[in-house]
C-alpha atoms as a PDB file:
ATOM      1  CA  MET A   1       8.983   9.804  -1.846  1.00  0.00           C
ATOM      2  CA  ILE A   2       6.255   9.301   0.738  1.00  0.00           C
ATOM      3  CA  THR A   3       7.600   9.179   4.254  1.00  0.00           C
ATOM      4  CA  HIS A   4       5.794   8.288   7.466  1.00  0.00           C
ATOM      5  CA  SER A   5       5.434  12.018   8.221  1.00  0.00           C
ATOM      6  CA  THR A   6       3.885  12.684   4.813  1.00  0.00           C
ATOM      7  CA  TYR A   7       1.475   9.815   5.306  1.00  0.00           C
ATOM      8  CA  GLN A   8       0.442  11.141   8.726  1.00  0.00           C
ATOM      9  CA  ILE A   9      -0.211  14.606   7.317  1.00  0.00           C
ATOM     10  CA  GLN A  10      -2.281  13.177   4.480  1.00  0.00           C
ATOM     11  CA  MET A  11      -4.300  11.028   6.873  1.00  0.00           C
ATOM     12  CA  ASN A  12      -4.878  13.910   9.282  1.00  0.00           C
ATOM     13  CA  SER A  13      -6.131  16.189   6.547  1.00  0.00           C
ATOM     14  CA  SER A  14      -8.420  13.577   5.054  1.00  0.00           C
ATOM     15  CA  SER A  15     -12.080  14.520   4.746  1.00  0.00           C
ATOM     16  CA  ILE A  16     -13.045  11.114   6.125  1.00  0.00           C
ATOM     17  CA  SER A  17     -12.903  11.160   9.887  1.00  0.00           C
ATOM     18  CA  THR A  18     -12.506   7.872  11.722  1.00  0.00           C
ATOM     19  CA  SER A  19     -11.502   7.697  15.336  1.00  0.00           C
ATOM     20  CA  ASN A  20      -8.570   5.625  16.431  1.00  0.00           C
ATOM     21  CA  GLY A  21     -10.956   3.689  18.688  1.00  0.00           C
ATOM     22  CA  LEU A  22     -13.191   2.630  15.806  1.00  0.00           C
ATOM     23  CA  THR A  23     -10.169   1.728  13.732  1.00  0.00           C
ATOM     24  CA  ARG A  24      -8.879  -0.477  16.545  1.00  0.00           C
ATOM     25  CA  VAL A  25     -12.263  -2.173  16.999  1.00  0.00           C
ATOM     26  CA  PHE A  26     -12.356  -3.121  13.319  1.00  0.00           C
ATOM     27  CA  ALA A  27      -8.699  -4.179  13.316  1.00  0.00           C
ATOM     28  CA  ALA A  28      -9.346  -6.496  16.269  1.00  0.00           C
ATOM     29  CA  ALA A  29     -12.395  -7.946  14.514  1.00  0.00           C
ATOM     30  CA  VAL A  30     -10.380  -8.595  11.356  1.00  0.00           C
ATOM     31  CA  VAL A  31      -7.543 -10.437  13.120  1.00  0.00           C
ATOM     32  CA  SER A  32      -9.610 -12.323  15.686  1.00  0.00           C
ATOM     33  CA  ARG A  33     -12.519 -14.483  14.628  1.00  0.00           C
ATOM     34  CA  GLN A  34     -13.505 -14.880  18.291  1.00  0.00           C
ATOM     35  CA  PHE A  35     -13.585 -11.103  18.901  1.00  0.00           C
ATOM     36  CA  CYS A  36     -15.509 -10.586  15.657  1.00  0.00           C
ATOM     37  CA  LYS A  37     -18.171 -13.116  16.671  1.00  0.00           C
ATOM     38  CA  MET A  38     -18.493 -11.451  20.065  1.00  0.00           C
ATOM     39  CA  LEU A  39     -18.711  -7.982  18.508  1.00  0.00           C
ATOM     40  CA  LEU A  40     -21.529  -9.129  16.234  1.00  0.00           C
ATOM     41  CA  SER A  41     -23.457 -11.135  18.830  1.00  0.00           C
ATOM     42  CA  ASP A  42     -22.796  -9.184  22.037  1.00  0.00           C
ATOM     43  CA  PRO A  43     -21.171  -5.834  21.242  1.00  0.00           C
ATOM     44  CA  ILE A  44     -21.539  -4.514  24.802  1.00  0.00           C
ATOM     45  CA  THR A  45     -19.426  -7.347  26.202  1.00  0.00           C
ATOM     46  CA  ALA A  46     -16.959  -7.182  23.314  1.00  0.00           C
ATOM     47  CA  LEU A  47     -16.363  -3.473  23.867  1.00  0.00           C
ATOM     48  CA  GLN A  48     -16.138  -3.861  27.652  1.00  0.00           C
ATOM     49  CA  ASN A  49     -13.647  -6.727  27.403  1.00  0.00           C
ATOM     50  CA  GLY A  50     -11.535  -5.140  24.704  1.00  0.00           C
ATOM     51  CA  TYR A  51      -8.952  -7.143  22.816  1.00  0.00           C
ATOM     52  CA  LEU A  52      -5.714  -8.612  24.173  1.00  0.00           C
ATOM     53  CA  GLY A  53      -6.077  -6.643  27.392  1.00  0.00           C
ATOM     54  CA  GLU A  54      -6.593  -3.280  25.697  1.00  0.00           C
ATOM     55  CA  THR A  55      -9.864  -1.404  25.796  1.00  0.00           C
ATOM     56  CA  PHE A  56     -11.107   0.798  22.997  1.00  0.00           C
ATOM     57  CA  ARG A  57     -11.257   4.574  23.371  1.00  0.00           C
ATOM     58  CA  LEU A  58     -14.611   5.373  21.871  1.00  0.00           C
ATOM     59  CA  SER A  59     -16.776   8.436  22.200  1.00  0.00           C
ATOM     60  CA  HIS A  60     -20.218   7.882  23.696  1.00  0.00           C
ATOM     61  CA  GLU A  61     -21.684   8.292  20.218  1.00  0.00           C
ATOM     62  CA  GLU A  62     -19.333   5.694  18.719  1.00  0.00           C
ATOM     63  CA  HIS A  63     -20.021   3.258  21.549  1.00  0.00           C
ATOM     64  CA  ASN A  64     -23.779   3.726  21.227  1.00  0.00           C
ATOM     65  CA  LEU A  65     -23.571   3.329  17.464  1.00  0.00           C
ATOM     66  CA  LEU A  66     -21.675   0.039  17.695  1.00  0.00           C
ATOM     67  CA  ILE A  67     -24.027  -1.451  20.267  1.00  0.00           C
ATOM     68  CA  SER A  68     -27.132  -0.350  18.352  1.00  0.00           C
ATOM     69  CA  ILE A  69     -26.239  -2.024  15.054  1.00  0.00           C
ATOM     70  CA  HIS A  70     -27.440  -5.536  14.326  1.00  0.00           C
ATOM     71  CA  ALA A  71     -25.177  -6.865  11.602  1.00  0.00           C
ATOM     72  CA  GLU A  72     -24.884 -10.307  10.049  1.00  0.00           C
ATOM     73  CA  ASN A  73     -21.136 -10.051   9.402  1.00  0.00           C
ATOM     74  CA  LEU A  74     -18.194  -7.675   9.698  1.00  0.00           C
ATOM     75  CA  ALA A  75     -18.713  -6.196   6.236  1.00  0.00           C
ATOM     76  CA  ASP A  76     -22.324  -5.411   7.103  1.00  0.00           C
ATOM     77  CA  LEU A  77     -21.225  -3.797  10.391  1.00  0.00           C
ATOM     78  CA  ALA A  78     -18.633  -1.672   8.584  1.00  0.00           C
ATOM     79  CA  ARG A  79     -21.186  -0.624   5.964  1.00  0.00           C
ATOM     80  CA  GLN A  80     -23.710   0.429   8.623  1.00  0.00           C
ATOM     81  CA  VAL A  81     -21.112   2.318  10.672  1.00  0.00           C
ATOM     82  CA  ASN A  82     -19.866   4.103   7.566  1.00  0.00           C
ATOM     83  CA  LYS A  83     -23.406   5.056   6.583  1.00  0.00           C
ATOM     84  CA  ALA A  84     -24.129   6.409  10.081  1.00  0.00           C
ATOM     85  CA  LEU A  85     -20.901   8.440  10.130  1.00  0.00           C
ATOM     86  CA  GLN A  86     -21.712  10.077   6.792  1.00  0.00           C
ATOM     87  CA  ARG A  87     -24.916  11.629   8.109  1.00  0.00           C
END
């Protein structure tokens, strides 16, 4: 049986490292079409404004990565972020 604790341990030991801030950015973009459009067209403003009153805790590198990518859609943004993180 997989419990919440087991899941947390498995996630923490995963070889793929994704910050909670990046995860929250993508979650907000998935649930909010308006936030997604802003993230794609004006990522600086989107990250400054946050989503539903919450800001995103991103490292400087993550922030710079998100604002440097020019993506056509959310899938393209995710693909480019993933590629950059694998380097």
